[in-house]
Amino acid sequence: MTEVEEMINRAREEQGRPFDVRQLTTSCVANVTLNMLFGRRFDLSNSTLLQLTSAVNSLAENMSIVLEIFPVLRFFPYFRNTLANFLTADEKMLTFISNNVAACTKVCDNSY
């Protein structure tokens, strides 16, 4: 099933009720990218996929161009918290990628 079909089916399941399309869209777009990277799609209700999309959203929310330009601001409480949230989300995303690269490597090693 393609991601477009998945989105259509999920929207139909709501039967006209309002729902947050952002999570559905984020998960479907992430699935397209992950399918290209790892050769498989994740179920949209997969907790690992949901954690990844949450981490990516957190990265986007906590990215601060101000900290890039003025790194000394990281010592102020507001920016310290922003940076801490950014780094936590970054670590979660990198862990997800590392785990899936290791799984793909294991599959490839076993196929020889």
N, C-alpha and C. Protein backbone atom coordinates (compact mmCIF):
# COMPACT_ATOMS: atom_id res chain seq x y z
N MET A 1 0.85 -1.16 0.00
CA MET A 1 0.00 0.00 0.00
C MET A 1 0.91 1.24 0.00
N THR A 2 0.59 2.16 -0.84
CA THR A 2 1.37 3.39 -0.89
C THR A 2 0.94 4.32 0.24
N GLU A 3 1.76 5.29 0.50
CA GLU A 3 1.46 6.23 1.58
C GLU A 3 0.24 7.08 1.25
N VAL A 4 0.05 7.38 -0.02
CA VAL A 4 -1.13 8.16 -0.42
C VAL A 4 -2.40 7.35 -0.12
N GLU A 5 -2.37 6.07 -0.46
CA GLU A 5 -3.53 5.22 -0.16
C GLU A 5 -3.77 5.13 1.35
N GLU A 6 -2.68 5.04 2.09
CA GLU A 6 -2.78 4.98 3.55
C GLU A 6 -3.42 6.25 4.10
N MET A 7 -3.00 7.40 3.59
CA MET A 7 -3.58 8.67 4.04
C MET A 7 -5.07 8.74 3.71
N ILE A 8 -5.43 8.32 2.51
CA ILE A 8 -6.84 8.35 2.11
C ILE A 8 -7.66 7.44 3.00
N ASN A 9 -7.15 6.24 3.26
CA ASN A 9 -7.88 5.29 4.12
C ASN A 9 -8.04 5.83 5.54
N ARG A 10 -6.98 6.43 6.08
CA ARG A 10 -7.06 6.98 7.43
C ARG A 10 -8.05 8.15 7.50
N ALA A 11 -8.07 8.97 6.46
CA ALA A 11 -9.02 10.10 6.42
C ALA A 11 -10.45 9.57 6.31
N ARG A 12 -10.65 8.53 5.53
CA ARG A 12 -12.00 7.94 5.40
C ARG A 12 -12.47 7.34 6.71
N GLU A 13 -11.54 6.75 7.48
CA GLU A 13 -11.90 6.15 8.76
C GLU A 13 -12.48 7.19 9.73
N GLU A 14 -12.09 8.43 9.56
CA GLU A 14 -12.59 9.49 10.43
C GLU A 14 -14.03 9.88 10.09
N GLN A 15 -14.53 9.48 8.93
CA GLN A 15 -15.91 9.68 8.51
C GLN A 15 -16.37 11.13 8.67
N GLY A 16 -15.53 12.05 8.23
CA GLY A 16 -15.90 13.45 8.26
C GLY A 16 -15.66 14.17 9.57
N ARG A 17 -15.25 13.42 10.60
CA ARG A 17 -14.94 14.06 11.88
C ARG A 17 -13.63 14.83 11.75
N PRO A 18 -13.49 15.94 12.46
CA PRO A 18 -12.22 16.67 12.40
C PRO A 18 -11.11 15.87 13.08
N PHE A 19 -9.91 15.91 12.52
CA PHE A 19 -8.76 15.25 13.11
C PHE A 19 -7.50 16.02 12.74
N ASP A 20 -6.44 15.78 13.48
CA ASP A 20 -5.17 16.46 13.25
C ASP A 20 -4.44 15.76 12.11
N VAL A 21 -4.43 16.39 10.97
CA VAL A 21 -3.82 15.80 9.79
C VAL A 21 -2.29 15.93 9.83
N ARG A 22 -1.78 16.76 10.72
CA ARG A 22 -0.33 16.99 10.79
C ARG A 22 0.43 15.70 11.12
N GLN A 23 -0.02 14.96 12.13
CA GLN A 23 0.66 13.72 12.52
C GLN A 23 0.60 12.70 11.39
N LEU A 24 -0.54 12.58 10.76
CA LEU A 24 -0.69 11.65 9.64
C LEU A 24 0.24 12.02 8.49
N THR A 25 0.29 13.29 8.15
CA THR A 25 1.15 13.75 7.06
C THR A 25 2.62 13.54 7.41
N THR A 26 2.99 13.90 8.62
CA THR A 26 4.38 13.73 9.05
C THR A 26 4.79 12.26 9.00
N SER A 27 3.94 11.38 9.49
CA SER A 27 4.26 9.95 9.49
C SER A 27 4.37 9.40 8.08
N CYS A 28 3.49 9.82 7.20
CA CYS A 28 3.52 9.33 5.82
C CYS A 28 4.76 9.83 5.07
N VAL A 29 5.09 11.09 5.25
CA VAL A 29 6.29 11.63 4.60
C VAL A 29 7.54 10.95 5.17
N ALA A 30 7.58 10.76 6.47
CA ALA A 30 8.71 10.07 7.09
C ALA A 30 8.81 8.64 6.55
N ASN A 31 7.68 8.00 6.36
CA ASN A 31 7.69 6.63 5.86
C ASN A 31 8.26 6.55 4.45
N VAL A 32 7.98 7.53 3.61
CA VAL A 32 8.55 7.54 2.26
C VAL A 32 10.07 7.61 2.35
N THR A 33 10.56 8.52 3.18
CA THR A 33 12.01 8.67 3.34
C THR A 33 12.63 7.42 3.95
N LEU A 34 12.01 6.88 4.98
CA LEU A 34 12.54 5.68 5.63
C LEU A 34 12.52 4.48 4.70
N ASN A 35 11.51 4.42 3.85
CA ASN A 35 11.44 3.33 2.88
C ASN A 35 12.61 3.41 1.91
N MET A 36 12.96 4.62 1.49
CA MET A 36 14.11 4.78 0.59
C MET A 36 15.41 4.45 1.31
N LEU A 37 15.52 4.82 2.59
CA LEU A 37 16.76 4.58 3.34
C LEU A 37 16.93 3.13 3.76
N PHE A 38 15.85 2.52 4.25
CA PHE A 38 15.96 1.21 4.87
C PHE A 38 15.24 0.09 4.12
N GLY A 39 14.55 0.43 3.04
CA GLY A 39 13.92 -0.59 2.22
C GLY A 39 12.66 -1.20 2.80
N ARG A 40 12.06 -0.54 3.76
CA ARG A 40 10.80 -1.05 4.31
C ARG A 40 10.01 0.11 4.87
N ARG A 41 8.71 -0.09 4.96
CA ARG A 41 7.86 0.94 5.54
C ARG A 41 7.49 0.53 6.95
N PHE A 42 7.18 1.51 7.75
CA PHE A 42 6.77 1.29 9.13
C PHE A 42 5.26 1.49 9.21
N ASP A 43 4.62 0.71 10.05
CA ASP A 43 3.20 0.91 10.30
C ASP A 43 3.03 2.28 10.95
N LEU A 44 2.01 3.02 10.55
CA LEU A 44 1.82 4.38 11.06
C LEU A 44 1.55 4.43 12.56
N SER A 45 1.15 3.31 13.14
CA SER A 45 0.93 3.28 14.59
C SER A 45 2.14 2.70 15.33
N ASN A 46 3.21 2.42 14.62
CA ASN A 46 4.44 1.89 15.21
C ASN A 46 5.00 2.92 16.19
N SER A 47 5.25 2.50 17.42
CA SER A 47 5.72 3.43 18.45
C SER A 47 7.09 4.01 18.10
N THR A 48 7.93 3.25 17.43
CA THR A 48 9.24 3.75 17.04
C THR A 48 9.11 4.86 16.02
N LEU A 49 8.21 4.69 15.05
CA LEU A 49 7.97 5.73 14.05
C LEU A 49 7.39 6.98 14.70
N LEU A 50 6.47 6.79 15.63
CA LEU A 50 5.88 7.94 16.33
C LEU A 50 6.91 8.68 17.15
N GLN A 51 7.85 7.94 17.77
CA GLN A 51 8.92 8.59 18.53
C GLN A 51 9.84 9.37 17.60
N LEU A 52 10.13 8.80 16.43
CA LEU A 52 10.98 9.50 15.47
C LEU A 52 10.32 10.79 14.99
N THR A 53 9.06 10.72 14.61
CA THR A 53 8.38 11.93 14.12
C THR A 53 8.27 12.97 15.24
N SER A 54 8.09 12.52 16.47
CA SER A 54 8.06 13.44 17.60
C SER A 54 9.42 14.11 17.77
N ALA A 55 10.50 13.34 17.62
CA ALA A 55 11.85 13.90 17.75
C ALA A 55 12.13 14.90 16.63
N VAL A 56 11.71 14.59 15.42
CA VAL A 56 11.92 15.51 14.30
C VAL A 56 11.14 16.80 14.52
N ASN A 57 9.90 16.68 14.99
CA ASN A 57 9.11 17.87 15.30
C ASN A 57 9.78 18.71 16.39
N SER A 58 10.31 18.03 17.40
CA SER A 58 11.01 18.73 18.48
C SER A 58 12.27 19.42 17.98
N LEU A 59 12.98 18.77 17.06
CA LEU A 59 14.15 19.41 16.46
C LEU A 59 13.76 20.70 15.76
N ALA A 60 12.71 20.63 14.99
CA ALA A 60 12.27 21.82 14.25
C ALA A 60 11.81 22.93 15.21
N GLU A 61 11.11 22.55 16.27
CA GLU A 61 10.61 23.55 17.22
C GLU A 61 11.74 24.21 18.01
N ASN A 62 12.80 23.46 18.29
CA ASN A 62 13.87 23.97 19.15
C ASN A 62 15.10 24.44 18.39
N MET A 63 15.04 24.41 17.06
CA MET A 63 16.16 24.93 16.28
C MET A 63 16.17 26.44 16.44
N SER A 64 17.33 26.98 16.73
CA SER A 64 17.43 28.41 16.98
C SER A 64 18.57 29.01 16.16
N ILE A 65 18.22 29.79 15.17
CA ILE A 65 19.23 30.48 14.38
C ILE A 65 19.98 31.48 15.24
N VAL A 66 19.30 31.98 16.27
CA VAL A 66 19.93 32.94 17.18
C VAL A 66 21.12 32.29 17.88
N LEU A 67 20.97 31.03 18.30
CA LEU A 67 22.09 30.32 18.93
C LEU A 67 23.21 30.06 17.94
N GLU A 68 22.87 29.89 16.68
CA GLU A 68 23.90 29.70 15.66
C GLU A 68 24.72 30.97 15.48
N ILE A 69 24.06 32.09 15.53
CA ILE A 69 24.75 33.38 15.32
C ILE A 69 25.45 33.84 16.59
N PHE A 70 24.78 33.66 17.74
CA PHE A 70 25.32 34.12 19.02
C PHE A 70 25.42 32.94 20.00
N PRO A 71 26.40 32.08 19.85
CA PRO A 71 26.48 30.88 20.71
C PRO A 71 26.61 31.19 22.20
N VAL A 72 27.06 32.38 22.56
CA VAL A 72 27.20 32.72 23.97
C VAL A 72 25.83 32.73 24.67
N LEU A 73 24.76 32.88 23.92
CA LEU A 73 23.42 32.89 24.52
C LEU A 73 23.05 31.55 25.14
N ARG A 74 23.76 30.49 24.80
CA ARG A 74 23.43 29.17 25.36
C ARG A 74 23.55 29.12 26.87
N PHE A 75 24.21 30.13 27.46
CA PHE A 75 24.36 30.18 28.91
C PHE A 75 23.15 30.81 29.60
N PHE A 76 22.26 31.42 28.84
CA PHE A 76 21.04 31.99 29.42
C PHE A 76 20.00 30.88 29.55
N PRO A 77 19.21 30.89 30.64
CA PRO A 77 18.29 29.78 30.90
C PRO A 77 17.36 29.42 29.74
N TYR A 78 16.74 30.41 29.10
CA TYR A 78 15.81 30.11 28.01
C TYR A 78 16.52 29.35 26.90
N PHE A 79 17.66 29.85 26.49
CA PHE A 79 18.39 29.21 25.39
C PHE A 79 19.04 27.90 25.83
N ARG A 80 19.41 27.80 27.09
CA ARG A 80 19.96 26.55 27.61
C ARG A 80 18.91 25.44 27.51
N ASN A 81 17.67 25.77 27.88
CA ASN A 81 16.58 24.78 27.79
C ASN A 81 16.28 24.44 26.34
N THR A 82 16.28 25.44 25.48
CA THR A 82 16.04 25.20 24.05
C THR A 82 17.11 24.29 23.49
N LEU A 83 18.35 24.56 23.82
CA LEU A 83 19.46 23.74 23.33
C LEU A 83 19.38 22.33 23.89
N ALA A 84 19.03 22.19 25.16
CA ALA A 84 18.90 20.86 25.77
C ALA A 84 17.80 20.06 25.08
N ASN A 85 16.68 20.69 24.79
CA ASN A 85 15.59 19.99 24.09
C ASN A 85 16.02 19.60 22.68
N PHE A 86 16.73 20.48 22.01
CA PHE A 86 17.22 20.20 20.67
C PHE A 86 18.17 19.00 20.69
N LEU A 87 19.11 18.99 21.63
CA LEU A 87 20.08 17.91 21.70
C LEU A 87 19.44 16.58 22.08
N THR A 88 18.43 16.61 22.94
CA THR A 88 17.71 15.39 23.30
C THR A 88 17.00 14.80 22.08
N ALA A 89 16.32 15.66 21.33
CA ALA A 89 15.63 15.20 20.12
C ALA A 89 16.63 14.70 19.08
N ASP A 90 17.75 15.38 18.96
CA ASP A 90 18.79 14.97 18.02
C ASP A 90 19.32 13.58 18.38
N GLU A 91 19.53 13.34 19.65
CA GLU A 91 20.02 12.03 20.11
C GLU A 91 19.01 10.93 19.81
N LYS A 92 17.73 11.20 20.03
CA LYS A 92 16.69 10.21 19.73
C LYS A 92 16.67 9.89 18.24
N MET A 93 16.78 10.91 17.40
CA MET A 93 16.77 10.69 15.96
C MET A 93 18.00 9.89 15.53
N LEU A 94 19.16 10.22 16.05
CA LEU A 94 20.38 9.50 15.69
C LEU A 94 20.35 8.06 16.18
N THR A 95 19.77 7.83 17.35
CA THR A 95 19.63 6.47 17.86
C THR A 95 18.73 5.64 16.94
N PHE A 96 17.61 6.23 16.51
CA PHE A 96 16.71 5.55 15.60
C PHE A 96 17.46 5.16 14.31
N ILE A 97 18.19 6.10 13.75
CA ILE A 97 18.91 5.85 12.50
C ILE A 97 19.97 4.77 12.71
N SER A 98 20.74 4.88 13.78
CA SER A 98 21.79 3.89 14.06
C SER A 98 21.21 2.49 14.23
N ASN A 99 20.11 2.39 14.96
CA ASN A 99 19.47 1.07 15.17
C ASN A 99 19.01 0.47 13.86
N ASN A 100 18.44 1.29 12.99
CA ASN A 100 17.94 0.77 11.72
C ASN A 100 19.07 0.47 10.74
N VAL A 101 20.14 1.23 10.78
CA VAL A 101 21.31 0.91 9.95
C VAL A 101 21.89 -0.42 10.41
N ALA A 102 21.98 -0.62 11.72
CA ALA A 102 22.49 -1.88 12.26
C ALA A 102 21.60 -3.05 11.85
N ALA A 103 20.29 -2.86 11.89
CA ALA A 103 19.36 -3.92 11.47
C ALA A 103 19.52 -4.24 9.99
N CYS A 104 19.67 -3.21 9.17
CA CYS A 104 19.86 -3.43 7.73
C CYS A 104 21.18 -4.12 7.45
N THR A 105 22.22 -3.73 8.17
CA THR A 105 23.53 -4.36 8.01
C THR A 105 23.47 -5.83 8.39
N LYS A 106 22.76 -6.11 9.47
CA LYS A 106 22.62 -7.51 9.91
C LYS A 106 21.91 -8.36 8.86
N VAL A 107 20.85 -7.80 8.26
CA VAL A 107 20.12 -8.52 7.22
C VAL A 107 21.03 -8.76 6.01
N CYS A 108 21.78 -7.71 5.63
CA CYS A 108 22.69 -7.85 4.49
C CYS A 108 23.79 -8.86 4.76
N ASP A 109 24.34 -8.87 5.99
CA ASP A 109 25.40 -9.82 6.35
C ASP A 109 24.88 -11.24 6.33
N ASN A 110 23.65 -11.44 6.75
CA ASN A 110 23.07 -12.79 6.78
C ASN A 110 22.70 -13.30 5.39
N SER A 111 22.57 -12.40 4.43
CA SER A 111 22.14 -12.84 3.09
C SER A 111 23.31 -13.36 2.26
N TYR A 112 24.54 -13.18 2.73
CA TYR A 112 25.69 -13.67 1.98
C TYR A 112 26.01 -15.07 2.31
